[in-house]
C-alpha atoms as a PDB file:
ATOM      1  CA  MET A   1      27.474 -36.982  45.930  1.00  0.00           C
ATOM      2  CA  ALA A   2      25.927 -38.147  49.191  1.00  0.00           C
ATOM      3  CA  ASP A   3      29.293 -39.693  50.064  1.00  0.00           C
ATOM      4  CA  ASN A   4      30.933 -36.294  49.487  1.00  0.00           C
ATOM      5  CA  ALA A   5      28.455 -34.625  51.869  1.00  0.00           C
ATOM      6  CA  LYS A   6      29.094 -37.283  54.537  1.00  0.00           C
ATOM      7  CA  ARG A   7      32.842 -36.762  54.231  1.00  0.00           C
ATOM      8  CA  PHE A   8      32.444 -33.000  54.411  1.00  0.00           C
ATOM      9  CA  LEU A   9      30.254 -33.328  57.516  1.00  0.00           C
ATOM     10  CA  ALA A  10      32.814 -35.674  59.077  1.00  0.00           C
ATOM     11  CA  LEU A  11      35.559 -33.117  58.407  1.00  0.00           C
ATOM     12  CA  LEU A  12      33.447 -30.346  59.980  1.00  0.00           C
ATOM     13  CA  ASN A  13      32.872 -32.516  63.054  1.00  0.00           C
ATOM     14  CA  GLY A  14      36.561 -33.404  63.279  1.00  0.00           C
ATOM     15  CA  LEU A  15      37.658 -29.784  63.040  1.00  0.00           C
ATOM     16  CA  ALA A  16      35.087 -28.733  65.640  1.00  0.00           C
ATOM     17  CA  LYS A  17      36.251 -31.446  68.031  1.00  0.00           C
ATOM     18  CA  ARG A  18      39.867 -30.412  67.594  1.00  0.00           C
ATOM     19  CA  ASN A  19      39.424 -26.631  67.609  1.00  0.00           C
ATOM     20  CA  TYR A  20      36.665 -26.227  70.197  1.00  0.00           C
ATOM     21  CA  TYR A  21      36.483 -29.386  72.306  1.00  0.00           C
ATOM     22  CA  GLY A  22      40.219 -29.854  72.850  1.00  0.00           C
ATOM     23  CA  GLN A  23      40.665 -33.203  71.089  1.00  0.00           C
ATOM     24  CA  THR A  24      44.197 -32.407  69.949  1.00  0.00           C
ATOM     25  CA  GLU A  25      44.810 -35.959  68.756  1.00  0.00           C
ATOM     26  CA  LEU A  26      42.702 -35.115  65.682  1.00  0.00           C
ATOM     27  CA  THR A  27      45.601 -33.750  63.633  1.00  0.00           C
ATOM     28  CA  ASP A  28      45.365 -32.911  59.945  1.00  0.00           C
ATOM     29  CA  ASP A  29      47.032 -36.236  59.141  1.00  0.00           C
ATOM     30  CA  VAL A  30      44.473 -38.185  61.176  1.00  0.00           C
ATOM     31  CA  LEU A  31      41.582 -36.301  59.579  1.00  0.00           C
ATOM     32  CA  LYS A  32      42.998 -36.941  56.103  1.00  0.00           C
ATOM     33  CA  GLU A  33      43.428 -40.661  56.783  1.00  0.00           C
ATOM     34  CA  GLU A  34      39.988 -41.053  58.330  1.00  0.00           C
ATOM     35  CA  VAL A  35      37.905 -38.783  56.107  1.00  0.00           C
ATOM     36  CA  TYR A  36      39.714 -38.305  52.781  1.00  0.00           C
ATOM     37  CA  PRO A  37      42.261 -41.147  52.422  1.00  0.00           C
ATOM     38  CA  ASP A  38      41.952 -41.289  48.626  1.00  0.00           C
ATOM     39  CA  ILE A  39      42.908 -37.695  47.732  1.00  0.00           C
ATOM     40  CA  SER A  40      46.308 -36.023  47.570  1.00  0.00           C
ATOM     41  CA  GLN A  41      47.779 -34.111  50.485  1.00  0.00           C
ATOM     42  CA  GLU A  42      47.551 -30.897  48.451  1.00  0.00           C
ATOM     43  CA  ASP A  43      43.839 -31.369  47.707  1.00  0.00           C
ATOM     44  CA  PHE A  44      43.161 -32.219  51.333  1.00  0.00           C
ATOM     45  CA  GLY A  45      45.047 -29.106  52.416  1.00  0.00           C
ATOM     46  CA  ARG A  46      42.751 -26.952  50.252  1.00  0.00           C
ATOM     47  CA  ILE A  47      39.571 -28.672  51.502  1.00  0.00           C
ATOM     48  CA  ASN A  48      40.766 -28.539  55.103  1.00  0.00           C
ATOM     49  CA  SER A  49      41.712 -24.862  54.885  1.00  0.00           C
ATOM     50  CA  ARG A  50      38.408 -23.888  53.267  1.00  0.00           C
ATOM     51  CA  THR A  51      36.386 -25.946  55.764  1.00  0.00           C
ATOM     52  CA  ALA A  52      38.288 -24.498  58.733  1.00  0.00           C
ATOM     53  CA  GLY A  53      37.617 -21.005  57.354  1.00  0.00           C
ATOM     54  CA  LEU A  54      33.902 -21.747  56.998  1.00  0.00           C
ATOM     55  CA  LEU A  55      33.759 -23.084  60.540  1.00  0.00           C
ATOM     56  CA  LYS A  56      35.631 -20.081  61.905  1.00  0.00           C
ATOM     57  CA  SER A  57      33.204 -17.734  60.115  1.00  0.00           C
ATOM     58  CA  LEU A  58      30.196 -19.577  61.543  1.00  0.00           C
ATOM     59  CA  VAL A  59      31.583 -19.524  65.067  1.00  0.00           C
ATOM     60  CA  SER A  60      32.932 -15.972  65.127  1.00  0.00           C
ATOM     61  CA  ALA A  61      29.642 -14.550  63.827  1.00  0.00           C
ATOM     62  CA  ASP A  62      27.594 -16.910  66.047  1.00  0.00           C
ATOM     63  CA  MET A  63      25.212 -17.162  63.092  1.00  0.00           C
ATOM     64  CA  ASP A  64      21.546 -17.853  63.531  1.00  0.00           C
ATOM     65  CA  LEU A  65      19.767 -19.937  60.886  1.00  0.00           C
ATOM     66  CA  THR A  66      18.772 -16.912  58.778  1.00  0.00           C
ATOM     67  CA  GLN A  67      22.339 -15.618  58.712  1.00  0.00           C
ATOM     68  CA  LEU A  68      23.544 -19.136  57.939  1.00  0.00           C
ATOM     69  CA  GLU A  69      21.296 -19.349  54.873  1.00  0.00           C
ATOM     70  CA  ALA A  70      22.530 -15.996  53.559  1.00  0.00           C
ATOM     71  CA  PHE A  71      26.139 -17.014  54.208  1.00  0.00           C
ATOM     72  CA  LEU A  72      25.734 -20.384  52.472  1.00  0.00           C
ATOM     73  CA  THR A  73      24.004 -18.781  49.483  1.00  0.00           C
ATOM     74  CA  ALA A  74      26.939 -16.393  49.107  1.00  0.00           C
ATOM     75  CA  GLN A  75      29.409 -19.284  49.440  1.00  0.00           C
ATOM     76  CA  MET A  76      27.604 -21.288  46.744  1.00  0.00           C
ATOM     77  CA  LYS A  77      27.695 -18.324  44.324  1.00  0.00           C
ATOM     78  CA  ARG A  78      31.448 -17.777  44.650  1.00  0.00           C
ATOM     79  CA  LYS A  79      33.438 -18.343  41.482  1.00  0.00           C
ATOM     80  CA  ASP A  80      36.475 -19.933  43.108  1.00  0.00           C
ATOM     81  CA  GLY A  81      35.977 -22.727  45.620  1.00  0.00           C
ATOM     82  CA  ALA A  82      32.207 -22.530  45.720  1.00  0.00           C
ATOM     83  CA  LEU A  83      30.271 -24.851  47.992  1.00  0.00           C
ATOM     84  CA  THR A  84      28.112 -27.495  46.397  1.00  0.00           C
ATOM     85  CA  GLU A  85      24.486 -27.918  47.443  1.00  0.00           C
ATOM     86  CA  ASP A  86      25.417 -31.162  49.240  1.00  0.00           C
ATOM     87  CA  GLN A  87      28.191 -29.421  51.171  1.00  0.00           C
ATOM     88  CA  ALA A  88      25.838 -26.569  52.086  1.00  0.00           C
ATOM     89  CA  ALA A  89      23.319 -29.127  53.363  1.00  0.00           C
ATOM     90  CA  ALA A  90      26.100 -30.713  55.442  1.00  0.00           C
ATOM     91  CA  VAL A  91      27.000 -27.310  56.911  1.00  0.00           C
ATOM     92  CA  ARG A  92      23.316 -26.679  57.768  1.00  0.00           C
ATOM     93  CA  LYS A  93      23.025 -30.054  59.470  1.00  0.00           C
ATOM     94  CA  PHE A  94      26.295 -29.542  61.361  1.00  0.00           C
ATOM     95  CA  TRP A  95      25.440 -26.008  62.527  1.00  0.00           C
ATOM     96  CA  LYS A  96      21.934 -26.920  63.686  1.00  0.00           C
ATOM     97  CA  ALA A  97      23.373 -29.750  65.781  1.00  0.00           C
ATOM     98  CA  ASN A  98      26.457 -27.962  67.131  1.00  0.00           C
ATOM     99  CA  LYS A  99      25.805 -24.217  67.338  1.00  0.00           C
ATOM    100  CA  THR A 100      24.759 -24.156  70.986  1.00  0.00           C
ATOM    101  CA  LYS A 101      27.421 -26.620  72.132  1.00  0.00           C
ATOM    102  CA  ILE A 102      30.230 -24.702  70.437  1.00  0.00           C
ATOM    103  CA  HIS A 103      28.910 -21.376  71.749  1.00  0.00           C
ATOM    104  CA  ASP A 104      28.751 -22.728  75.320  1.00  0.00           C
ATOM    105  CA  LYS A 105      32.244 -24.197  75.024  1.00  0.00           C
ATOM    106  CA  ILE A 106      33.708 -20.906  73.822  1.00  0.00           C
ATOM    107  CA  VAL A 107      31.983 -18.979  76.599  1.00  0.00           C
ATOM    108  CA  SER A 108      33.300 -21.407  79.225  1.00  0.00           C
ATOM    109  CA  GLN A 109      36.826 -21.116  77.806  1.00  0.00           C
ATOM    110  CA  THR A 110      36.787 -17.323  77.894  1.00  0.00           C
ATOM    111  CA  MET A 111      35.568 -16.873  81.466  1.00  0.00           C
ATOM    112  CA  TRP A 112      38.692 -16.008  83.432  1.00  0.00           C
ATOM    113  CA  GLY A 113      37.342 -15.024  86.802  1.00  0.00           C
ATOM    114  CA  ASN A 114      34.948 -16.664  89.178  1.00  0.00           C
ATOM    115  CA  SER A 115      31.432 -17.685  88.269  1.00  0.00           C
ATOM    116  CA  LEU A 116      28.321 -18.081  90.355  1.00  0.00           C
ATOM    117  CA  GLN A 117      27.325 -21.747  90.463  1.00  0.00           C
ATOM    118  CA  LYS A 118      24.429 -21.741  92.901  1.00  0.00           C
ATOM    119  CA  VAL A 119      22.433 -19.406  95.138  1.00  0.00           C
ATOM    120  CA  SER A 120      20.516 -20.612  98.156  1.00  0.00           C
ATOM    121  CA  TRP A 121      18.713 -18.671 100.847  1.00  0.00           C
ATOM    122  CA  ARG A 122      16.423 -18.955 103.796  1.00  0.00           C
ATOM    123  CA  VAL A 123      14.565 -16.580 106.089  1.00  0.00           C
ATOM    124  CA  ASP A 124      15.313 -16.859 109.770  1.00  0.00           C
ATOM    125  CA  LEU A 125      14.714 -14.909 112.977  1.00  0.00           C
ATOM    126  CA  LYS A 126      17.570 -13.248 114.814  1.00  0.00           C
ATOM    127  CA  SER A 127      18.095 -14.903 118.156  1.00  0.00           C
ATOM    128  CA  GLN A 128      21.065 -12.799 119.232  1.00  0.00           C
ATOM    129  CA  SER A 129      21.546  -9.081 118.913  1.00  0.00           C
ATOM    130  CA  ARG A 130      23.115  -6.110 120.620  1.00  0.00           C
ATOM    131  CA  THR A 131      19.748  -4.452 121.033  1.00  0.00           C
ATOM    132  CA  VAL A 132      16.423  -5.888 122.133  1.00  0.00           C
ATOM    133  CA  GLU A 133      14.627  -4.302 119.154  1.00  0.00           C
ATOM    134  CA  GLN A 134      16.554  -6.482 116.717  1.00  0.00           C
ATOM    135  CA  LEU A 135      15.687  -9.745 118.461  1.00  0.00           C
ATOM    136  CA  ASN A 136      13.236 -11.927 116.531  1.00  0.00           C
ATOM    137  CA  ALA A 137      13.565  -9.647 113.500  1.00  0.00           C
ATOM    138  CA  PRO A 138      13.362 -11.526 110.190  1.00  0.00           C
ATOM    139  CA  THR A 139      16.660 -11.857 108.376  1.00  0.00           C
ATOM    140  CA  ALA A 140      17.607 -13.470 105.074  1.00  0.00           C
ATOM    141  CA  ILE A 141      20.608 -15.767 105.077  1.00  0.00           C
ATOM    142  CA  MET A 142      22.181 -16.075 101.624  1.00  0.00           C
ATOM    143  CA  GLU A 143      24.710 -18.620 100.378  1.00  0.00           C
ATOM    144  CA  LEU A 144      26.611 -18.069  97.146  1.00  0.00           C
ATOM    145  CA  HIS A 145      28.588 -20.969  95.684  1.00  0.00           C
ATOM    146  CA  ILE A 146      31.409 -19.476  93.616  1.00  0.00           C
ATOM    147  CA  ALA A 147      33.662 -21.536  91.338  1.00  0.00           C
ATOM    148  CA  ASP A 148      37.111 -20.592  90.085  1.00  0.00           C
ATOM    149  CA  ASN A 149      37.071 -20.918  86.286  1.00  0.00           C
ATOM    150  CA  ILE A 150      40.850 -21.064  85.994  1.00  0.00           C
ATOM    151  CA  ASN A 151      41.533 -23.691  88.669  1.00  0.00           C
ATOM    152  CA  LYS A 152      38.607 -26.092  88.236  1.00  0.00           C
ATOM    153  CA  ALA A 153      40.123 -28.701  90.577  1.00  0.00           C
ATOM    154  CA  LYS A 154      39.844 -26.222  93.435  1.00  0.00           C
ATOM    155  CA  GLY A 155      36.086 -26.697  93.715  1.00  0.00           C
ATOM    156  CA  SER A 156      33.658 -24.006  94.744  1.00  0.00           C
ATOM    157  CA  GLU A 157      33.793 -21.631  97.679  1.00  0.00           C
ATOM    158  CA  VAL A 158      30.743 -20.731  99.735  1.00  0.00           C
ATOM    159  CA  VAL A 159      30.076 -17.155 100.806  1.00  0.00           C
ATOM    160  CA  ARG A 160      27.399 -16.703 103.496  1.00  0.00           C
ATOM    161  CA  PHE A 161      25.900 -13.430 104.653  1.00  0.00           C
ATOM    162  CA  GLU A 162      22.811 -12.013 106.349  1.00  0.00           C
ATOM    163  CA  LEU A 163      20.484  -9.334 105.058  1.00  0.00           C
ATOM    164  CA  ASP A 164      17.900  -7.465 107.098  1.00  0.00           C
ATOM    165  CA  GLU A 165      14.623  -6.302 105.566  1.00  0.00           C
ATOM    166  CA  THR A 166      16.125  -3.025 104.294  1.00  0.00           C
ATOM    167  CA  LYS A 167      19.090  -4.743 102.657  1.00  0.00           C
ATOM    168  CA  VAL A 168      16.796  -7.328 101.013  1.00  0.00           C
ATOM    169  CA  ALA A 169      14.720  -4.485  99.540  1.00  0.00           C
ATOM    170  CA  GLU A 170      17.887  -2.800  98.234  1.00  0.00           C
ATOM    171  CA  LEU A 171      19.101  -6.088  96.751  1.00  0.00           C
ATOM    172  CA  LEU A 172      15.764  -6.723  95.032  1.00  0.00           C
ATOM    173  CA  HIS A 173      15.739  -3.181  93.637  1.00  0.00           C
ATOM    174  CA  THR A 174      19.257  -3.633  92.253  1.00  0.00           C
ATOM    175  CA  MET A 175      18.332  -7.008  90.733  1.00  0.00           C
ATOM    176  CA  GLN A 176      15.314  -5.362  89.074  1.00  0.00           C
ATOM    177  CA  GLU A 177      17.606  -2.705  87.575  1.00  0.00           C
ATOM    178  CA  ILE A 178      19.921  -5.430  86.256  1.00  0.00           C
ATOM    179  CA  ASP A 179      16.966  -7.311  84.764  1.00  0.00           C
ATOM    180  CA  THR A 180      15.682  -4.140  83.092  1.00  0.00           C
ATOM    181  CA  GLN A 181      19.124  -3.405  81.644  1.00  0.00           C
ATOM    182  CA  ILE A 182      19.542  -6.945  80.288  1.00  0.00           C
ATOM    183  CA  ASN A 183      16.054  -6.899  78.783  1.00  0.00           C
ATOM    184  CA  SER A 184      16.797  -3.590  77.057  1.00  0.00           C
ATOM    185  CA  TYR A 185      19.721  -5.246  75.241  1.00  0.00           C
ATOM    186  CA  ILE A 186      17.702  -8.324  74.335  1.00  0.00           C
ATOM    187  CA  LYS A 187      14.836  -6.378  72.784  1.00  0.00           C
ATOM    188  CA  THR A 188      17.033  -4.182  70.567  1.00  0.00           C
END
């Protein structure tokens, strides 16, 4: 039975690599030859289909460990095609090791626009101005490094701008509102 669990875990890993990490060379034929060479094509098709369905359910629900346990319990109680305890243990082991990596990969694949890579800033004094009152006034100089998620070879662009004391206060207030809004979603 331990051999069955190892094979099942290997199939889960192979499907994850193919479906989420872009290793297209891991076809069904390759997986059958490497993981289940001694069973018929029909039996492998059933195992492969069921395993791919399990993996898709795990990923689409982004299950935490509590949800995973409930899901596996339900899968083990099914009348047709129920999971064995060894297979459930393999799924637990796989999901604990790969949940975050698969989630991050899916998020990176679904980001179409630009993303903020880095923020840097410094405070400086204005040395040139149209009016004397603005000379030697503190100003924040911000740099935003923005990457294009579609054309990764392009590299990142840098956007630089200055903020006076009033604009910095407005920016901080807006960031506080964003933080409050995000925290309200996290706590519910």
